[in-house]
């Protein structure tokens, strides 16, 4: 499966499970991004892959995706804490990409700007890469 297809599958799952926030791919130009949604947004991006056993025809490939959660409240019903929990549950519970499951790697506060709290969640999709694919 291609990176764009995996990213699209993650976005569609999050849209389905979290309809009260805007869910979209990470913008091409982050400096120009404005949070327009009244409650918040979830942005998804591919971060890279790690490979094992570089001399073998078949390698383990760990594909990493970042999910940036931007919300206007910290602790309220639709605040950062609740949104982080819902994103994690959406991506890790009963969600598979070509029979592969995503696993959480990390979660951290990035910054607060005006009334917008920014958090980063990183997920990993373990897969197999065959040389020449």
N, C-alpha and C. Protein backbone atom coordinates (compact mmCIF):
# COMPACT_ATOMS: atom_id res chain seq x y z
N UNK A 1 0.85 -1.18 0.00
CA UNK A 1 0.00 0.00 0.00
C UNK A 1 0.89 1.24 0.00
N UNK A 2 0.49 2.24 -0.75
CA UNK A 2 1.27 3.46 -0.87
C UNK A 2 1.01 4.38 0.32
N UNK A 3 1.97 5.27 0.58
CA UNK A 3 1.88 6.21 1.70
C UNK A 3 0.60 7.02 1.64
N UNK A 4 0.28 7.55 0.48
CA UNK A 4 -0.92 8.38 0.34
C UNK A 4 -2.19 7.59 0.66
N UNK A 5 -2.22 6.31 0.27
CA UNK A 5 -3.39 5.47 0.56
C UNK A 5 -3.53 5.22 2.06
N UNK A 6 -2.40 5.01 2.74
CA UNK A 6 -2.45 4.81 4.19
C UNK A 6 -2.92 6.08 4.88
N UNK A 7 -2.35 7.21 4.48
CA UNK A 7 -2.75 8.49 5.06
C UNK A 7 -4.25 8.74 4.85
N UNK A 8 -4.74 8.47 3.66
CA UNK A 8 -6.16 8.65 3.37
C UNK A 8 -7.02 7.73 4.24
N UNK A 9 -6.59 6.49 4.44
CA UNK A 9 -7.34 5.56 5.28
C UNK A 9 -7.40 6.06 6.73
N UNK A 10 -6.30 6.59 7.22
CA UNK A 10 -6.27 7.14 8.59
C UNK A 10 -7.23 8.33 8.69
N UNK A 11 -7.18 9.22 7.71
CA UNK A 11 -8.04 10.40 7.72
C UNK A 11 -9.51 10.00 7.68
N UNK A 12 -9.86 9.06 6.83
CA UNK A 12 -11.26 8.63 6.73
C UNK A 12 -11.74 7.99 8.03
N UNK A 13 -10.90 7.21 8.68
CA UNK A 13 -11.26 6.59 9.96
C UNK A 13 -11.49 7.67 11.02
N UNK A 14 -10.60 8.63 11.10
CA UNK A 14 -10.75 9.71 12.07
C UNK A 14 -11.99 10.55 11.78
N UNK A 15 -12.26 10.83 10.52
CA UNK A 15 -13.46 11.59 10.15
C UNK A 15 -14.72 10.86 10.60
N UNK A 16 -14.71 9.55 10.43
CA UNK A 16 -15.86 8.74 10.81
C UNK A 16 -16.07 8.73 12.32
N UNK A 17 -14.98 8.61 13.06
CA UNK A 17 -15.06 8.48 14.52
C UNK A 17 -15.12 9.81 15.27
N UNK A 18 -14.62 10.87 14.65
CA UNK A 18 -14.54 12.17 15.33
C UNK A 18 -15.16 13.25 14.42
N UNK A 19 -16.48 13.21 14.23
CA UNK A 19 -17.11 14.14 13.30
C UNK A 19 -17.19 15.59 13.80
N UNK A 20 -16.94 15.80 15.08
CA UNK A 20 -17.07 17.15 15.63
C UNK A 20 -15.80 17.98 15.52
N UNK A 21 -14.75 17.42 14.91
CA UNK A 21 -13.52 18.17 14.63
C UNK A 21 -13.22 18.08 13.14
N UNK A 22 -12.50 19.05 12.62
CA UNK A 22 -12.05 19.00 11.24
C UNK A 22 -10.90 18.00 11.15
N UNK A 23 -10.96 17.08 10.21
CA UNK A 23 -9.88 16.10 10.01
C UNK A 23 -9.40 16.24 8.58
N UNK A 24 -8.09 16.46 8.42
CA UNK A 24 -7.56 16.70 7.08
C UNK A 24 -6.07 16.36 7.03
N UNK A 25 -5.52 16.26 5.82
CA UNK A 25 -4.07 16.06 5.71
C UNK A 25 -3.34 17.30 6.22
N UNK A 26 -2.13 17.11 6.68
CA UNK A 26 -1.31 18.23 7.12
C UNK A 26 -1.14 19.17 5.93
N UNK A 27 -1.28 20.47 6.14
CA UNK A 27 -1.23 21.41 5.00
C UNK A 27 0.16 21.49 4.37
N UNK A 28 0.17 21.79 3.08
CA UNK A 28 1.45 21.96 2.37
C UNK A 28 2.26 23.11 2.96
N UNK A 29 1.58 24.19 3.29
CA UNK A 29 2.27 25.35 3.83
C UNK A 29 1.73 25.61 5.24
N UNK A 30 2.40 25.06 6.22
CA UNK A 30 1.92 25.13 7.60
C UNK A 30 1.88 26.56 8.13
N UNK A 31 2.74 27.42 7.64
CA UNK A 31 2.77 28.82 8.11
C UNK A 31 1.47 29.56 7.77
N UNK A 32 0.82 29.14 6.70
CA UNK A 32 -0.42 29.80 6.27
C UNK A 32 -1.67 29.10 6.82
N UNK A 33 -1.48 28.03 7.59
CA UNK A 33 -2.65 27.29 8.09
C UNK A 33 -3.37 28.09 9.18
N UNK A 34 -4.68 28.21 9.02
CA UNK A 34 -5.52 28.86 10.02
C UNK A 34 -6.56 27.89 10.50
N UNK A 35 -6.71 27.78 11.81
CA UNK A 35 -7.76 26.95 12.37
C UNK A 35 -9.07 27.70 12.24
N UNK A 36 -9.91 27.26 11.33
CA UNK A 36 -11.20 27.91 11.08
C UNK A 36 -12.31 27.22 11.86
N UNK A 37 -12.19 25.92 12.03
CA UNK A 37 -13.22 25.14 12.72
C UNK A 37 -13.40 25.68 14.14
N UNK A 38 -14.64 25.82 14.61
CA UNK A 38 -14.87 26.42 15.93
C UNK A 38 -14.36 25.58 17.11
N UNK A 39 -14.17 24.27 16.91
CA UNK A 39 -13.73 23.42 18.02
C UNK A 39 -12.29 22.96 17.90
N UNK A 40 -11.86 22.62 16.69
CA UNK A 40 -10.49 22.17 16.53
C UNK A 40 -10.28 21.36 15.27
N UNK A 41 -9.06 20.86 15.12
CA UNK A 41 -8.69 20.11 13.93
C UNK A 41 -7.73 18.98 14.28
N UNK A 42 -7.75 17.98 13.42
CA UNK A 42 -6.82 16.85 13.50
C UNK A 42 -6.13 16.79 12.14
N UNK A 43 -4.80 16.92 12.14
CA UNK A 43 -4.02 16.94 10.90
C UNK A 43 -3.13 15.70 10.85
N UNK A 44 -3.09 15.03 9.70
CA UNK A 44 -2.36 13.77 9.56
C UNK A 44 -1.24 13.94 8.54
N UNK A 45 -0.05 13.42 8.87
CA UNK A 45 1.07 13.47 7.92
C UNK A 45 1.98 12.27 8.08
N UNK A 46 2.59 11.88 6.97
CA UNK A 46 3.60 10.82 6.95
C UNK A 46 4.90 11.41 7.47
N UNK A 47 5.55 10.71 8.39
CA UNK A 47 6.79 11.22 8.98
C UNK A 47 8.04 10.49 8.50
N UNK A 48 7.89 9.28 8.01
CA UNK A 48 9.05 8.55 7.53
C UNK A 48 8.94 7.07 7.85
N UNK A 49 9.95 6.32 7.42
CA UNK A 49 9.99 4.88 7.66
C UNK A 49 11.37 4.46 8.13
N UNK A 50 11.40 3.42 8.92
CA UNK A 50 12.65 2.78 9.33
C UNK A 50 12.63 1.35 8.81
N UNK A 51 13.80 0.88 8.37
CA UNK A 51 13.91 -0.46 7.80
C UNK A 51 14.93 -1.26 8.61
N UNK A 52 14.73 -2.57 8.64
CA UNK A 52 15.69 -3.45 9.31
C UNK A 52 16.34 -4.37 8.28
N UNK A 53 17.43 -4.97 8.66
CA UNK A 53 18.13 -5.97 7.83
C UNK A 53 18.37 -5.51 6.40
N UNK A 54 19.20 -4.50 6.19
CA UNK A 54 19.36 -3.91 4.86
C UNK A 54 19.96 -4.85 3.82
N UNK A 55 20.49 -5.99 4.22
CA UNK A 55 21.10 -6.91 3.24
C UNK A 55 20.16 -8.03 2.81
N UNK A 56 18.94 -8.01 3.31
CA UNK A 56 17.99 -9.06 2.97
C UNK A 56 16.99 -8.59 1.91
N UNK A 57 16.44 -9.51 1.17
CA UNK A 57 15.44 -9.19 0.15
C UNK A 57 14.12 -8.74 0.78
N UNK A 58 13.87 -9.20 1.99
CA UNK A 58 12.65 -8.85 2.71
C UNK A 58 13.03 -8.11 3.98
N UNK A 59 12.49 -6.93 4.17
CA UNK A 59 12.83 -6.11 5.33
C UNK A 59 11.58 -5.73 6.11
N UNK A 60 11.74 -5.59 7.42
CA UNK A 60 10.67 -5.01 8.22
C UNK A 60 10.70 -3.51 7.97
N UNK A 61 9.52 -2.94 7.72
CA UNK A 61 9.41 -1.50 7.48
C UNK A 61 8.45 -0.92 8.52
N UNK A 62 8.93 0.02 9.30
CA UNK A 62 8.11 0.68 10.30
C UNK A 62 7.73 2.06 9.76
N UNK A 63 6.46 2.20 9.36
CA UNK A 63 5.97 3.43 8.74
C UNK A 63 5.37 4.31 9.83
N UNK A 64 5.83 5.55 9.93
CA UNK A 64 5.37 6.44 11.00
C UNK A 64 4.52 7.59 10.46
N UNK A 65 3.44 7.85 11.18
CA UNK A 65 2.53 8.95 10.87
C UNK A 65 2.37 9.83 12.09
N UNK A 66 2.33 11.14 11.86
CA UNK A 66 2.05 12.10 12.91
C UNK A 66 0.60 12.54 12.81
N UNK A 67 -0.02 12.69 13.96
CA UNK A 67 -1.35 13.26 14.03
C UNK A 67 -1.25 14.47 14.94
N UNK A 68 -1.49 15.63 14.39
CA UNK A 68 -1.45 16.87 15.17
C UNK A 68 -2.88 17.22 15.57
N UNK A 69 -3.08 17.39 16.87
CA UNK A 69 -4.39 17.74 17.40
C UNK A 69 -4.33 19.20 17.85
N UNK A 70 -5.21 20.01 17.29
CA UNK A 70 -5.29 21.43 17.64
C UNK A 70 -6.72 21.68 18.13
N UNK A 71 -6.83 22.09 19.37
CA UNK A 71 -8.17 22.36 19.91
C UNK A 71 -8.17 23.68 20.68
N UNK A 72 -9.35 24.21 20.85
CA UNK A 72 -9.49 25.53 21.49
C UNK A 72 -9.61 25.46 23.01
N UNK A 73 -9.73 24.27 23.58
CA UNK A 73 -9.83 24.11 25.03
C UNK A 73 -8.89 23.00 25.49
N UNK A 74 -8.48 23.07 26.73
CA UNK A 74 -7.59 22.05 27.27
C UNK A 74 -8.36 20.92 27.93
N UNK A 75 -9.23 21.24 28.87
CA UNK A 75 -9.87 20.20 29.68
C UNK A 75 -11.37 20.02 29.45
N UNK A 76 -12.01 20.87 28.68
CA UNK A 76 -13.46 20.77 28.53
C UNK A 76 -13.84 19.51 27.76
N UNK A 77 -15.15 19.35 27.59
CA UNK A 77 -15.69 18.16 26.91
C UNK A 77 -14.99 17.91 25.56
N UNK A 78 -14.76 18.92 24.78
CA UNK A 78 -14.08 18.77 23.50
C UNK A 78 -12.68 19.37 23.54
N UNK A 79 -12.06 19.31 24.69
CA UNK A 79 -10.73 19.86 24.85
C UNK A 79 -9.65 18.90 24.39
N UNK A 80 -8.42 19.29 24.62
CA UNK A 80 -7.26 18.51 24.17
C UNK A 80 -7.24 17.11 24.76
N UNK A 81 -7.46 17.00 26.06
CA UNK A 81 -7.36 15.68 26.70
C UNK A 81 -8.35 14.70 26.08
N UNK A 82 -9.60 15.12 25.97
CA UNK A 82 -10.63 14.26 25.39
C UNK A 82 -10.32 13.94 23.93
N UNK A 83 -9.88 14.93 23.18
CA UNK A 83 -9.57 14.72 21.76
C UNK A 83 -8.41 13.76 21.56
N UNK A 84 -7.38 13.86 22.39
CA UNK A 84 -6.25 12.94 22.30
C UNK A 84 -6.70 11.50 22.54
N UNK A 85 -7.54 11.30 23.55
CA UNK A 85 -8.06 9.96 23.84
C UNK A 85 -8.86 9.42 22.66
N UNK A 86 -9.70 10.26 22.08
CA UNK A 86 -10.53 9.80 20.97
C UNK A 86 -9.72 9.48 19.73
N UNK A 87 -8.68 10.27 19.45
CA UNK A 87 -7.81 9.98 18.31
C UNK A 87 -7.10 8.64 18.52
N UNK A 88 -6.53 8.45 19.69
CA UNK A 88 -5.82 7.20 19.99
C UNK A 88 -6.75 6.00 19.85
N UNK A 89 -7.95 6.10 20.41
CA UNK A 89 -8.91 5.00 20.33
C UNK A 89 -9.32 4.73 18.89
N UNK A 90 -9.56 5.76 18.12
CA UNK A 90 -9.97 5.60 16.74
C UNK A 90 -8.92 4.84 15.92
N UNK A 91 -7.67 5.24 16.08
CA UNK A 91 -6.61 4.66 15.24
C UNK A 91 -6.16 3.29 15.72
N UNK A 92 -6.29 3.01 17.00
CA UNK A 92 -5.76 1.73 17.51
C UNK A 92 -6.82 0.67 17.78
N UNK A 93 -8.10 1.03 17.82
CA UNK A 93 -9.15 0.04 18.08
C UNK A 93 -9.86 -0.36 16.79
N UNK A 94 -9.81 -1.61 16.46
CA UNK A 94 -10.55 -2.15 15.30
C UNK A 94 -10.30 -1.38 14.01
N UNK A 95 -9.09 -1.00 13.77
CA UNK A 95 -8.73 -0.31 12.52
C UNK A 95 -7.48 -0.98 11.95
N UNK A 96 -7.60 -1.45 10.73
CA UNK A 96 -6.50 -2.14 10.06
C UNK A 96 -6.28 -1.54 8.68
N UNK A 97 -5.04 -1.47 8.27
CA UNK A 97 -4.67 -1.05 6.93
C UNK A 97 -4.02 -2.26 6.29
N UNK A 98 -4.72 -2.86 5.33
CA UNK A 98 -4.27 -4.11 4.69
C UNK A 98 -3.87 -5.15 5.74
N UNK A 99 -4.75 -5.39 6.68
CA UNK A 99 -4.56 -6.37 7.76
C UNK A 99 -3.44 -6.02 8.73
N UNK A 100 -2.98 -4.79 8.70
CA UNK A 100 -1.93 -4.33 9.62
C UNK A 100 -2.52 -3.30 10.57
N UNK A 101 -2.06 -3.33 11.81
CA UNK A 101 -2.59 -2.47 12.86
C UNK A 101 -1.59 -1.36 13.18
N UNK A 102 -2.11 -0.16 13.43
CA UNK A 102 -1.27 0.96 13.86
C UNK A 102 -1.08 0.90 15.37
N UNK A 103 0.10 1.30 15.82
CA UNK A 103 0.43 1.32 17.24
C UNK A 103 0.91 2.71 17.64
N UNK A 104 0.51 3.17 18.83
CA UNK A 104 0.99 4.48 19.28
C UNK A 104 2.46 4.41 19.69
N UNK A 105 3.22 5.43 19.32
CA UNK A 105 4.63 5.52 19.70
C UNK A 105 4.88 6.59 20.74
N UNK A 106 4.25 7.76 20.53
CA UNK A 106 4.47 8.86 21.47
C UNK A 106 3.33 9.87 21.36
N UNK A 107 3.30 10.71 22.37
CA UNK A 107 2.28 11.74 22.45
C UNK A 107 2.88 12.87 23.27
N UNK A 108 2.78 14.11 22.77
CA UNK A 108 3.38 15.20 23.53
C UNK A 108 2.73 16.54 23.21
N UNK A 109 2.79 17.40 24.17
CA UNK A 109 2.36 18.79 24.03
C UNK A 109 3.39 19.52 23.19
N UNK A 110 2.94 20.30 22.22
CA UNK A 110 3.85 21.09 21.40
C UNK A 110 3.90 22.53 21.88
N UNK A 111 2.74 23.22 21.85
CA UNK A 111 2.70 24.61 22.30
C UNK A 111 1.24 25.06 22.37
N UNK A 112 1.04 26.19 23.01
CA UNK A 112 -0.27 26.83 23.02
C UNK A 112 -0.09 28.21 22.41
N UNK A 113 -1.03 28.57 21.53
CA UNK A 113 -0.98 29.86 20.87
C UNK A 113 -2.37 30.47 20.96
N UNK A 114 -2.46 31.59 21.64
CA UNK A 114 -3.75 32.22 21.92
C UNK A 114 -4.63 31.20 22.62
N UNK A 115 -5.73 30.80 22.01
CA UNK A 115 -6.61 29.84 22.65
C UNK A 115 -6.51 28.45 22.02
N UNK A 116 -5.43 28.17 21.30
CA UNK A 116 -5.30 26.90 20.58
C UNK A 116 -4.16 26.05 21.16
N UNK A 117 -4.53 24.86 21.63
CA UNK A 117 -3.58 23.91 22.20
C UNK A 117 -3.15 22.94 21.10
N UNK A 118 -1.83 22.73 20.95
CA UNK A 118 -1.28 21.86 19.90
C UNK A 118 -0.58 20.67 20.55
N UNK A 119 -0.98 19.47 20.11
CA UNK A 119 -0.36 18.23 20.58
C UNK A 119 0.05 17.40 19.37
N UNK A 120 1.10 16.60 19.55
CA UNK A 120 1.55 15.68 18.51
C UNK A 120 1.41 14.25 19.01
N UNK A 121 0.80 13.42 18.18
CA UNK A 121 0.72 11.99 18.45
C UNK A 121 1.41 11.27 17.30
N UNK A 122 2.26 10.31 17.61
CA UNK A 122 2.96 9.56 16.57
C UNK A 122 2.52 8.10 16.63
N UNK A 123 2.21 7.56 15.44
CA UNK A 123 1.78 6.18 15.32
C UNK A 123 2.68 5.44 14.34
N UNK A 124 2.81 4.13 14.53
CA UNK A 124 3.66 3.31 13.67
C UNK A 124 2.85 2.15 13.10
N UNK A 125 3.05 1.92 11.81
CA UNK A 125 2.42 0.80 11.11
C UNK A 125 3.53 -0.15 10.70
N UNK A 126 3.64 -1.31 11.37
CA UNK A 126 4.68 -2.27 10.98
C UNK A 126 4.25 -2.99 9.70
N UNK A 127 5.15 -3.09 8.74
CA UNK A 127 4.85 -3.77 7.49
C UNK A 127 6.10 -4.49 6.99
N UNK A 128 5.98 -5.11 5.85
CA UNK A 128 7.11 -5.81 5.24
C UNK A 128 7.37 -5.18 3.88
N UNK A 129 8.64 -4.92 3.61
CA UNK A 129 9.04 -4.36 2.32
C UNK A 129 9.90 -5.39 1.60
N UNK A 130 9.56 -5.63 0.35
CA UNK A 130 10.35 -6.54 -0.48
C UNK A 130 11.16 -5.70 -1.44
N UNK A 131 12.46 -5.93 -1.53
CA UNK A 131 13.35 -5.15 -2.39
C UNK A 131 12.79 -5.16 -3.81
N UNK A 132 12.68 -3.98 -4.40
CA UNK A 132 12.19 -3.84 -5.76
C UNK A 132 10.70 -3.57 -5.87
N UNK A 133 9.99 -3.53 -4.77
CA UNK A 133 8.55 -3.24 -4.82
C UNK A 133 8.29 -1.82 -5.19
